Structure formats: structure tokens, C-alpha cells
Amino acid sequence: MNGYNKAHTLFYRVGFDYFSDTFAVLANSNTSESFEVNKAITFPFMVNVILNDLWSIEVQLELQRAKKGFEVTTNDESSFVSLFLKSIKTISF
């Protein structure tokens, strides 16, 4: 979603993205399954303020929560082993 204010001196852009992917089966048998899992939710935000015909200020911010690791199911019990230090990583820049 994006747009301008009524005076056209401010432009904004806001977004949302959800990413979910499961990679190759790492192990599979009658009693256990293992998959590599990547999931992320991202919120990008950008504002551009026009000061005059020559100058403007632009600010961009992106927040992301990511989950990456291995999902293991053994005898109907699931567990998740993260590749990050925490099970969910929060990233902002």
C-alpha cells in the first residue's frame, strides 16, 4: 500500500510479506521424519518527505521475524531445532 498526502509533500509505502518454505526431507522412516523449515514475516515501511524542489528526506524501516531450522517428528512427537541462537529471530534495519 502506498500513497501521498493531499499536498503531495509526503509519500509513504507500507507492506507485509509472509514466507514459508520446507526444504528436502532429511530423514524419513516409519518412526521419524525431519524437514528443514524457513518461515518469516516482514513489515517494510518507507516515508519520503519533499522539502523543496531540490531536497527530500527518505526513511526506510523493515522489521522481520524469522524462524529457520529443523522440524523433527518421532513417534507422533514434534520438536524444532533452530539454526539461530533463539527459536525466533527478530531483525530490524
PDB file of N, CA and C in Angstrom:
ATOM      1  N   MET A   1       0.848  -1.148   0.000  1.00  0.00           N
ATOM      2  CA  MET A   1       0.000   0.000   0.000  1.00  0.00           C
ATOM      3  C   MET A   1       0.911   1.232   0.000  1.00  0.00           C
ATOM      4  N   ASN A   2       0.582   2.211  -0.825  1.00  0.00           N
ATOM      5  CA  ASN A   2       1.362   3.441  -0.848  1.00  0.00           C
ATOM      6  C   ASN A   2       0.480   4.603  -1.255  1.00  0.00           C
ATOM      7  N   GLY A   3       0.996   5.810  -1.057  1.00  0.00           N
ATOM      8  CA  GLY A   3       0.234   6.991  -1.440  1.00  0.00           C
ATOM      9  C   GLY A   3       0.911   8.268  -0.999  1.00  0.00           C
ATOM     10  N   TYR A   4       0.227   9.384  -1.309  1.00  0.00           N
ATOM     11  CA  TYR A   4       0.711  10.724  -0.968  1.00  0.00           C
ATOM     12  C   TYR A   4      -0.274  11.400  -0.023  1.00  0.00           C
ATOM     13  N   ASN A   5       0.204  12.430   0.684  1.00  0.00           N
ATOM     14  CA  ASN A   5      -0.727  13.292   1.410  1.00  0.00           C
ATOM     15  C   ASN A   5      -1.372  14.240   0.402  1.00  0.00           C
ATOM     16  N   LYS A   6      -2.323  15.070   0.843  1.00  0.00           N
ATOM     17  CA  LYS A   6      -3.059  15.950  -0.077  1.00  0.00           C
ATOM     18  C   LYS A   6      -2.163  16.980  -0.759  1.00  0.00           C
ATOM     19  N   ALA A   7      -1.120  17.439  -0.069  1.00  0.00           N
ATOM     20  CA  ALA A   7      -0.208  18.449  -0.635  1.00  0.00           C
ATOM     21  C   ALA A   7       0.887  17.813  -1.497  1.00  0.00           C
ATOM     22  N   HIS A   8       0.927  16.507  -1.575  1.00  0.00           N
ATOM     23  CA  HIS A   8       1.964  15.768  -2.321  1.00  0.00           C
ATOM     24  C   HIS A   8       3.379  16.092  -1.846  1.00  0.00           C
ATOM     25  N   THR A   9       3.531  16.348  -0.549  1.00  0.00           N
ATOM     26  CA  THR A   9       4.855  16.593   0.014  1.00  0.00           C
ATOM     27  C   THR A   9       5.356  15.399   0.831  1.00  0.00           C
ATOM     28  N   LEU A  10       4.501  14.393   0.992  1.00  0.00           N
ATOM     29  CA  LEU A  10       4.868  13.214   1.759  1.00  0.00           C
ATOM     30  C   LEU A  10       4.388  11.974   1.010  1.00  0.00           C
ATOM     31  N   PHE A  11       5.313  11.054   0.777  1.00  0.00           N
ATOM     32  CA  PHE A  11       4.981   9.786   0.131  1.00  0.00           C
ATOM     33  C   PHE A  11       5.264   8.669   1.125  1.00  0.00           C
ATOM     34  N   TYR A  12       4.360   7.692   1.217  1.00  0.00           N
ATOM     35  CA  TYR A  12       4.562   6.569   2.132  1.00  0.00           C
ATOM     36  C   TYR A  12       4.348   5.247   1.397  1.00  0.00           C
ATOM     37  N   ARG A  13       4.998   4.233   1.915  1.00  0.00           N
ATOM     38  CA  ARG A  13       4.824   2.871   1.379  1.00  0.00           C
ATOM     39  C   ARG A  13       4.907   1.911   2.565  1.00  0.00           C
ATOM     40  N   VAL A  14       3.892   1.078   2.714  1.00  0.00           N
ATOM     41  CA  VAL A  14       3.814   0.098   3.792  1.00  0.00           C
ATOM     42  C   VAL A  14       3.521  -1.254   3.161  1.00  0.00           C
ATOM     43  N   GLY A  15       4.149  -2.306   3.685  1.00  0.00           N
ATOM     44  CA  GLY A  15       3.925  -3.623   3.108  1.00  0.00           C
ATOM     45  C   GLY A  15       3.879  -4.721   4.153  1.00  0.00           C
ATOM     46  N   PHE A  16       3.606  -5.913   3.668  1.00  0.00           N
ATOM     47  CA  PHE A  16       3.567  -7.108   4.508  1.00  0.00           C
ATOM     48  C   PHE A  16       3.939  -8.297   3.632  1.00  0.00           C
ATOM     49  N   ASP A  17       4.755  -9.192   4.163  1.00  0.00           N
ATOM     50  CA  ASP A  17       5.107 -10.400   3.422  1.00  0.00           C
ATOM     51  C   ASP A  17       5.219 -11.567   4.398  1.00  0.00           C
ATOM     52  N   TYR A  18       4.673 -12.699   4.001  1.00  0.00           N
ATOM     53  CA  TYR A  18       4.800 -13.933   4.781  1.00  0.00           C
ATOM     54  C   TYR A  18       5.475 -14.960   3.884  1.00  0.00           C
ATOM     55  N   PHE A  19       6.558 -15.544   4.367  1.00  0.00           N
ATOM     56  CA  PHE A  19       7.323 -16.533   3.609  1.00  0.00           C
ATOM     57  C   PHE A  19       7.363 -17.821   4.411  1.00  0.00           C
ATOM     58  N   SER A  20       7.041 -18.917   3.763  1.00  0.00           N
ATOM     59  CA  SER A  20       7.108 -20.221   4.419  1.00  0.00           C
ATOM     60  C   SER A  20       7.588 -21.237   3.391  1.00  0.00           C
ATOM     61  N   ASP A  21       8.636 -21.960   3.740  1.00  0.00           N
ATOM     62  CA  ASP A  21       9.194 -22.930   2.804  1.00  0.00           C
ATOM     63  C   ASP A  21       9.729 -24.126   3.578  1.00  0.00           C
ATOM     64  N   THR A  22       9.497 -25.295   3.042  1.00  0.00           N
ATOM     65  CA  THR A  22      10.022 -26.528   3.620  1.00  0.00           C
ATOM     66  C   THR A  22      10.928 -27.162   2.577  1.00  0.00           C
ATOM     67  N   PHE A  23      12.172 -27.411   2.984  1.00  0.00           N
ATOM     68  CA  PHE A  23      13.141 -27.973   2.056  1.00  0.00           C
ATOM     69  C   PHE A  23      13.112 -29.496   2.108  1.00  0.00           C
ATOM     70  N   ALA A  24      14.046 -30.088   1.472  1.00  0.00           N
ATOM     71  CA  ALA A  24      14.122 -31.536   1.278  1.00  0.00           C
ATOM     72  C   ALA A  24      13.967 -32.308   2.592  1.00  0.00           C
ATOM     73  N   VAL A  25      13.382 -33.464   2.451  1.00  0.00           N
ATOM     74  CA  VAL A  25      13.280 -34.374   3.588  1.00  0.00           C
ATOM     75  C   VAL A  25      14.691 -34.851   3.927  1.00  0.00           C
ATOM     76  N   LEU A  26      15.076 -34.661   5.181  1.00  0.00           N
ATOM     77  CA  LEU A  26      16.435 -35.020   5.586  1.00  0.00           C
ATOM     78  C   LEU A  26      16.516 -36.470   6.051  1.00  0.00           C
ATOM     79  N   ALA A  27      15.450 -36.943   6.676  1.00  0.00           N
ATOM     80  CA  ALA A  27      15.402 -38.344   7.112  1.00  0.00           C
ATOM     81  C   ALA A  27      13.947 -38.758   7.121  1.00  0.00           C
ATOM     82  N   ASN A  28      13.654 -39.936   6.691  1.00  0.00           N
ATOM     83  CA  ASN A  28      12.277 -40.384   6.647  1.00  0.00           C
ATOM     84  C   ASN A  28      12.232 -41.887   6.861  1.00  0.00           C
ATOM     85  N   SER A  29      11.446 -42.307   7.845  1.00  0.00           N
ATOM     86  CA  SER A  29      11.252 -43.728   8.092  1.00  0.00           C
ATOM     87  C   SER A  29       9.859 -43.899   8.683  1.00  0.00           C
ATOM     88  N   ASN A  30       9.533 -45.083   9.123  1.00  0.00           N
ATOM     89  CA  ASN A  30       8.214 -45.315   9.717  1.00  0.00           C
ATOM     90  C   ASN A  30       8.048 -44.591  11.042  1.00  0.00           C
ATOM     91  N   THR A  31       9.133 -44.285  11.732  1.00  0.00           N
ATOM     92  CA  THR A  31       9.036 -43.681  13.063  1.00  0.00           C
ATOM     93  C   THR A  31       9.532 -42.250  13.143  1.00  0.00           C
ATOM     94  N   SER A  32      10.264 -41.748  12.143  1.00  0.00           N
ATOM     95  CA  SER A  32      10.745 -40.364  12.240  1.00  0.00           C
ATOM     96  C   SER A  32      10.782 -39.688  10.878  1.00  0.00           C
ATOM     97  N   GLU A  33      10.562 -38.359  10.913  1.00  0.00           N
ATOM     98  CA  GLU A  33      10.663 -37.505   9.730  1.00  0.00           C
ATOM     99  C   GLU A  33      11.405 -36.244  10.143  1.00  0.00           C
ATOM    100  N   SER A  34      12.181 -35.682   9.216  1.00  0.00           N
ATOM    101  CA  SER A  34      12.923 -34.469   9.505  1.00  0.00           C
ATOM    102  C   SER A  34      12.924 -33.568   8.273  1.00  0.00           C
ATOM    103  N   PHE A  35      12.562 -32.296   8.468  1.00  0.00           N
ATOM    104  CA  PHE A  35      12.491 -31.330   7.375  1.00  0.00           C
ATOM    105  C   PHE A  35      13.239 -30.065   7.769  1.00  0.00           C
ATOM    106  N   GLU A  36      13.821 -29.382   6.773  1.00  0.00           N
ATOM    107  CA  GLU A  36      14.401 -28.060   7.007  1.00  0.00           C
ATOM    108  C   GLU A  36      13.303 -27.033   6.749  1.00  0.00           C
ATOM    109  N   VAL A  37      13.076 -26.136   7.711  1.00  0.00           N
ATOM    110  CA  VAL A  37      11.963 -25.199   7.656  1.00  0.00           C
ATOM    111  C   VAL A  37      12.486 -23.763   7.684  1.00  0.00           C
ATOM    112  N   ASN A  38      11.947 -22.920   6.801  1.00  0.00           N
ATOM    113  CA  ASN A  38      12.208 -21.473   6.788  1.00  0.00           C
ATOM    114  C   ASN A  38      10.877 -20.752   6.828  1.00  0.00           C
ATOM    115  N   LYS A  39      10.693 -19.856   7.789  1.00  0.00           N
ATOM    116  CA  LYS A  39       9.483 -19.043   7.873  1.00  0.00           C
ATOM    117  C   LYS A  39       9.887 -17.624   8.250  1.00  0.00           C
ATOM    118  N   ALA A  40       9.193 -16.647   7.679  1.00  0.00           N
ATOM    119  CA  ALA A  40       9.485 -15.248   8.015  1.00  0.00           C
ATOM    120  C   ALA A  40       8.254 -14.384   7.779  1.00  0.00           C
ATOM    121  N   ILE A  41       8.082 -13.385   8.644  1.00  0.00           N
ATOM    122  CA  ILE A  41       7.071 -12.347   8.473  1.00  0.00           C
ATOM    123  C   ILE A  41       7.831 -11.026   8.398  1.00  0.00           C
ATOM    124  N   THR A  42       7.555 -10.236   7.355  1.00  0.00           N
ATOM    125  CA  THR A  42       8.296  -8.992   7.131  1.00  0.00           C
ATOM    126  C   THR A  42       7.326  -7.822   6.979  1.00  0.00           C
ATOM    127  N   PHE A  43       7.659  -6.686   7.629  1.00  0.00           N
ATOM    128  CA  PHE A  43       6.889  -5.455   7.525  1.00  0.00           C
ATOM    129  C   PHE A  43       7.822  -4.334   7.054  1.00  0.00           C
ATOM    130  N   PRO A  44       7.867  -4.034   5.743  1.00  0.00           N
ATOM    131  CA  PRO A  44       8.676  -2.892   5.283  1.00  0.00           C
ATOM    132  C   PRO A  44       7.864  -1.591   5.365  1.00  0.00           C
ATOM    133  N   PHE A  45       8.565  -0.482   5.652  1.00  0.00           N
ATOM    134  CA  PHE A  45       7.934   0.827   5.775  1.00  0.00           C
ATOM    135  C   PHE A  45       8.895   1.871   5.220  1.00  0.00           C
ATOM    136  N   MET A  46       8.370   2.800   4.408  1.00  0.00           N
ATOM    137  CA  MET A  46       9.194   3.848   3.821  1.00  0.00           C
ATOM    138  C   MET A  46       8.395   5.147   3.788  1.00  0.00           C
ATOM    139  N   VAL A  47       9.051   6.252   4.166  1.00  0.00           N
ATOM    140  CA  VAL A  47       8.449   7.588   4.108  1.00  0.00           C
ATOM    141  C   VAL A  47       9.429   8.515   3.407  1.00  0.00           C
ATOM    142  N   ASN A  48       8.928   9.312   2.470  1.00  0.00           N
ATOM    143  CA  ASN A  48       9.728  10.310   1.766  1.00  0.00           C
ATOM    144  C   ASN A  48       9.045  11.654   1.940  1.00  0.00           C
ATOM    145  N   VAL A  49       9.762  12.612   2.546  1.00  0.00           N
ATOM    146  CA  VAL A  49       9.234  13.959   2.767  1.00  0.00           C
ATOM    147  C   VAL A  49       9.946  14.906   1.811  1.00  0.00           C
ATOM    148  N   ILE A  50       9.181  15.595   0.964  1.00  0.00           N
ATOM    149  CA  ILE A  50       9.747  16.544   0.000  1.00  0.00           C
ATOM    150  C   ILE A  50       9.845  17.909   0.675  1.00  0.00           C
ATOM    151  N   LEU A  51      11.077  18.403   0.821  1.00  0.00           N
ATOM    152  CA  LEU A  51      11.295  19.689   1.477  1.00  0.00           C
ATOM    153  C   LEU A  51      11.133  20.853   0.504  1.00  0.00           C
ATOM    154  N   ASN A  52      11.698  20.708  -0.698  1.00  0.00           N
ATOM    155  CA  ASN A  52      11.551  21.698  -1.767  1.00  0.00           C
ATOM    156  C   ASN A  52      11.870  21.000  -3.081  1.00  0.00           C
ATOM    157  N   ASP A  53      12.057  21.758  -4.161  1.00  0.00           N
ATOM    158  CA  ASP A  53      12.325  21.146  -5.468  1.00  0.00           C
ATOM    159  C   ASP A  53      13.650  20.401  -5.523  1.00  0.00           C
ATOM    160  N   LEU A  54      14.579  20.735  -4.641  1.00  0.00           N
ATOM    161  CA  LEU A  54      15.898  20.120  -4.658  1.00  0.00           C
ATOM    162  C   LEU A  54      16.112  19.065  -3.583  1.00  0.00           C
ATOM    163  N   TRP A  55      15.442  19.185  -2.430  1.00  0.00           N
ATOM    164  CA  TRP A  55      15.763  18.349  -1.285  1.00  0.00           C
ATOM    165  C   TRP A  55      14.564  17.538  -0.805  1.00  0.00           C
ATOM    166  N   SER A  56      14.901  16.328  -0.372  1.00  0.00           N
ATOM    167  CA  SER A  56      13.893  15.486   0.272  1.00  0.00           C
ATOM    168  C   SER A  56      14.597  14.580   1.290  1.00  0.00           C
ATOM    169  N   ILE A  57      13.825  14.064   2.221  1.00  0.00           N
ATOM    170  CA  ILE A  57      14.339  13.153   3.247  1.00  0.00           C
ATOM    171  C   ILE A  57      13.577  11.837   3.120  1.00  0.00           C
ATOM    172  N   GLU A  58      14.325  10.749   3.101  1.00  0.00           N
ATOM    173  CA  GLU A  58      13.693   9.431   2.993  1.00  0.00           C
ATOM    174  C   GLU A  58      14.125   8.560   4.172  1.00  0.00           C
ATOM    175  N   VAL A  59      13.165   7.894   4.777  1.00  0.00           N
ATOM    176  CA  VAL A  59      13.426   6.994   5.890  1.00  0.00           C
ATOM    177  C   VAL A  59      12.821   5.641   5.553  1.00  0.00           C
ATOM    178  N   GLN A  60      13.626   4.586   5.741  1.00  0.00           N
ATOM    179  CA  GLN A  60      13.146   3.231   5.494  1.00  0.00           C
ATOM    180  C   GLN A  60      13.369   2.389   6.746  1.00  0.00           C
ATOM    181  N   LEU A  61      12.394   1.553   7.051  1.00  0.00           N
ATOM    182  CA  LEU A  61      12.463   0.680   8.208  1.00  0.00           C
ATOM    183  C   LEU A  61      11.875  -0.664   7.808  1.00  0.00           C
ATOM    184  N   GLU A  62      12.521  -1.742   8.237  1.00  0.00           N
ATOM    185  CA  GLU A  62      11.999  -3.071   7.954  1.00  0.00           C
ATOM    186  C   GLU A  62      12.124  -3.917   9.206  1.00  0.00           C
ATOM    187  N   LEU A  63      11.030  -4.516   9.610  1.00  0.00           N
ATOM    188  CA  LEU A  63      11.004  -5.421  10.749  1.00  0.00           C
ATOM    189  C   LEU A  63      10.733  -6.829  10.233  1.00  0.00           C
ATOM    190  N   GLN A  64      11.466  -7.790  10.770  1.00  0.00           N
ATOM    191  CA  GLN A  64      11.284  -9.168  10.318  1.00  0.00           C
ATOM    192  C   GLN A  64      11.423 -10.120  11.497  1.00  0.00           C
ATOM    193  N   ARG A  65      10.541 -11.117  11.531  1.00  0.00           N
ATOM    194  CA  ARG A  65      10.659 -12.223  12.482  1.00  0.00           C
ATOM    195  C   ARG A  65      10.903 -13.469  11.650  1.00  0.00           C
ATOM    196  N   ALA A  66      12.002 -14.142  11.925  1.00  0.00           N
ATOM    197  CA  ALA A  66      12.397 -15.287  11.109  1.00  0.00           C
ATOM    198  C   ALA A  66      12.569 -16.531  11.969  1.00  0.00           C
ATOM    199  N   LYS A  67      12.249 -17.657  11.373  1.00  0.00           N
ATOM    200  CA  LYS A  67      12.405 -18.962  12.023  1.00  0.00           C
ATOM    201  C   LYS A  67      13.060 -19.885  10.999  1.00  0.00           C
ATOM    202  N   LYS A  68      14.204 -20.462  11.353  1.00  0.00           N
ATOM    203  CA  LYS A  68      14.913 -21.347  10.437  1.00  0.00           C
ATOM    204  C   LYS A  68      15.530 -22.482  11.242  1.00  0.00           C
ATOM    205  N   GLY A  69      15.297 -23.699  10.782  1.00  0.00           N
ATOM    206  CA  GLY A  69      15.853 -24.837  11.497  1.00  0.00           C
ATOM    207  C   GLY A  69      15.284 -26.144  10.996  1.00  0.00           C
ATOM    208  N   PHE A  70      15.266 -27.126  11.870  1.00  0.00           N
ATOM    209  CA  PHE A  70      14.830 -28.467  11.502  1.00  0.00           C
ATOM    210  C   PHE A  70      13.645 -28.885  12.358  1.00  0.00           C
ATOM    211  N   GLU A  71      12.602 -29.331  11.704  1.00  0.00           N
ATOM    212  CA  GLU A  71      11.431 -29.849  12.392  1.00  0.00           C
ATOM    213  C   GLU A  71      11.511 -31.371  12.361  1.00  0.00           C
ATOM    214  N   VAL A  72      11.530 -31.968  13.540  1.00  0.00           N
ATOM    215  CA  VAL A  72      11.716 -33.412  13.652  1.00  0.00           C
ATOM    216  C   VAL A  72      10.480 -34.011  14.318  1.00  0.00           C
ATOM    217  N   THR A  73       9.919 -35.040  13.701  1.00  0.00           N
ATOM    218  CA  THR A  73       8.786 -35.767  14.270  1.00  0.00           C
ATOM    219  C   THR A  73       9.208 -37.206  14.495  1.00  0.00           C
ATOM    220  N   THR A  74       9.113 -37.636  15.738  1.00  0.00           N
ATOM    221  CA  THR A  74       9.454 -39.014  16.099  1.00  0.00           C
ATOM    222  C   THR A  74       8.320 -39.584  16.936  1.00  0.00           C
ATOM    223  N   ASN A  75       7.743 -40.688  16.466  1.00  0.00           N
ATOM    224  CA  ASN A  75       6.639 -41.350  17.182  1.00  0.00           C
ATOM    225  C   ASN A  75       5.545 -40.361  17.587  1.00  0.00           C
ATOM    226  N   ASP A  76       5.074 -39.546  16.640  1.00  0.00           N
ATOM    227  CA  ASP A  76       3.999 -38.563  16.827  1.00  0.00           C
ATOM    228  C   ASP A  76       4.335 -37.435  17.796  1.00  0.00           C
ATOM    229  N   GLU A  77       5.595 -37.226  18.123  1.00  0.00           N
ATOM    230  CA  GLU A  77       6.030 -36.098  18.941  1.00  0.00           C
ATOM    231  C   GLU A  77       6.919 -35.197  18.091  1.00  0.00           C
ATOM    232  N   SER A  78       6.556 -33.904  17.994  1.00  0.00           N
ATOM    233  CA  SER A  78       7.304 -32.958  17.163  1.00  0.00           C
ATOM    234  C   SER A  78       8.227 -32.102  18.014  1.00  0.00           C
ATOM    235  N   SER A  79       9.361 -31.755  17.438  1.00  0.00           N
ATOM    236  CA  SER A  79      10.284 -30.815  18.074  1.00  0.00           C
ATOM    237  C   SER A  79      10.918 -29.963  16.988  1.00  0.00           C
ATOM    238  N   PHE A  80      11.413 -28.795  17.387  1.00  0.00           N
ATOM    239  CA  PHE A  80      12.044 -27.874  16.456  1.00  0.00           C
ATOM    240  C   PHE A  80      13.435 -27.526  16.962  1.00  0.00           C
ATOM    241  N   VAL A  81      14.435 -27.645  16.099  1.00  0.00           N
ATOM    242  CA  VAL A  81      15.815 -27.301  16.421  1.00  0.00           C
ATOM    243  C   VAL A  81      16.182 -26.096  15.557  1.00  0.00           C
ATOM    244  N   SER A  82      16.426 -24.945  16.196  1.00  0.00           N
ATOM    245  CA  SER A  82      16.679 -23.702  15.480  1.00  0.00           C
ATOM    246  C   SER A  82      18.140 -23.589  15.058  1.00  0.00           C
ATOM    247  N   LEU A  83      18.353 -22.957  13.906  1.00  0.00           N
ATOM    248  CA  LEU A  83      19.710 -22.622  13.469  1.00  0.00           C
ATOM    249  C   LEU A  83      20.159 -21.271  14.032  1.00  0.00           C
ATOM    250  N   PHE A  84      19.204 -20.498  14.590  1.00  0.00           N
ATOM    251  CA  PHE A  84      19.516 -19.238  15.264  1.00  0.00           C
ATOM    252  C   PHE A  84      19.779 -19.523  16.736  1.00  0.00           C
ATOM    253  N   LEU A  85      20.298 -18.532  17.461  1.00  0.00           N
ATOM    254  CA  LEU A  85      20.522 -18.691  18.894  1.00  0.00           C
ATOM    255  C   LEU A  85      19.204 -18.837  19.654  1.00  0.00           C
ATOM    256  N   LYS A  86      18.142 -18.168  19.153  1.00  0.00           N
ATOM    257  CA  LYS A  86      16.795 -18.297  19.705  1.00  0.00           C
ATOM    258  C   LYS A  86      15.928 -18.985  18.652  1.00  0.00           C
ATOM    259  N   SER A  87      14.784 -19.506  19.058  1.00  0.00           N
ATOM    260  CA  SER A  87      13.938 -20.204  18.088  1.00  0.00           C
ATOM    261  C   SER A  87      13.361 -19.253  17.040  1.00  0.00           C
ATOM    262  N   ILE A  88      13.094 -17.988  17.447  1.00  0.00           N
ATOM    263  CA  ILE A  88      12.613 -16.966  16.503  1.00  0.00           C
ATOM    264  C   ILE A  88      13.536 -15.769  16.603  1.00  0.00           C
ATOM    265  N   LYS A  89      14.009 -15.293  15.458  1.00  0.00           N
ATOM    266  CA  LYS A  89      14.935 -14.161  15.411  1.00  0.00           C
ATOM    267  C   LYS A  89      14.191 -12.919  14.940  1.00  0.00           C
ATOM    268  N   THR A  90      14.342 -11.806  15.646  1.00  0.00           N
ATOM    269  CA  THR A  90      13.726 -10.540  15.254  1.00  0.00           C
ATOM    270  C   THR A  90      14.814  -9.647  14.677  1.00  0.00           C
ATOM    271  N   ILE A  91      14.575  -9.157  13.463  1.00  0.00           N
ATOM    272  CA  ILE A  91      15.564  -8.364  12.736  1.00  0.00           C
ATOM    273  C   ILE A  91      14.931  -7.004  12.410  1.00  0.00           C
ATOM    274  N   SER A  92      15.654  -5.930  12.640  1.00  0.00           N
ATOM    275  CA  SER A  92      15.172  -4.609  12.229  1.00  0.00           C
ATOM    276  C   SER A  92      16.350  -3.821  11.656  1.00  0.00           C
ATOM    277  N   PHE A  93      16.064  -3.107  10.583  1.00  0.00           N
ATOM    278  CA  PHE A  93      17.077  -2.231   9.991  1.00  0.00           C
ATOM    279  C   PHE A  93      16.391  -1.175   9.167  1.00  0.00           C
TER     280      PHE A  93
END
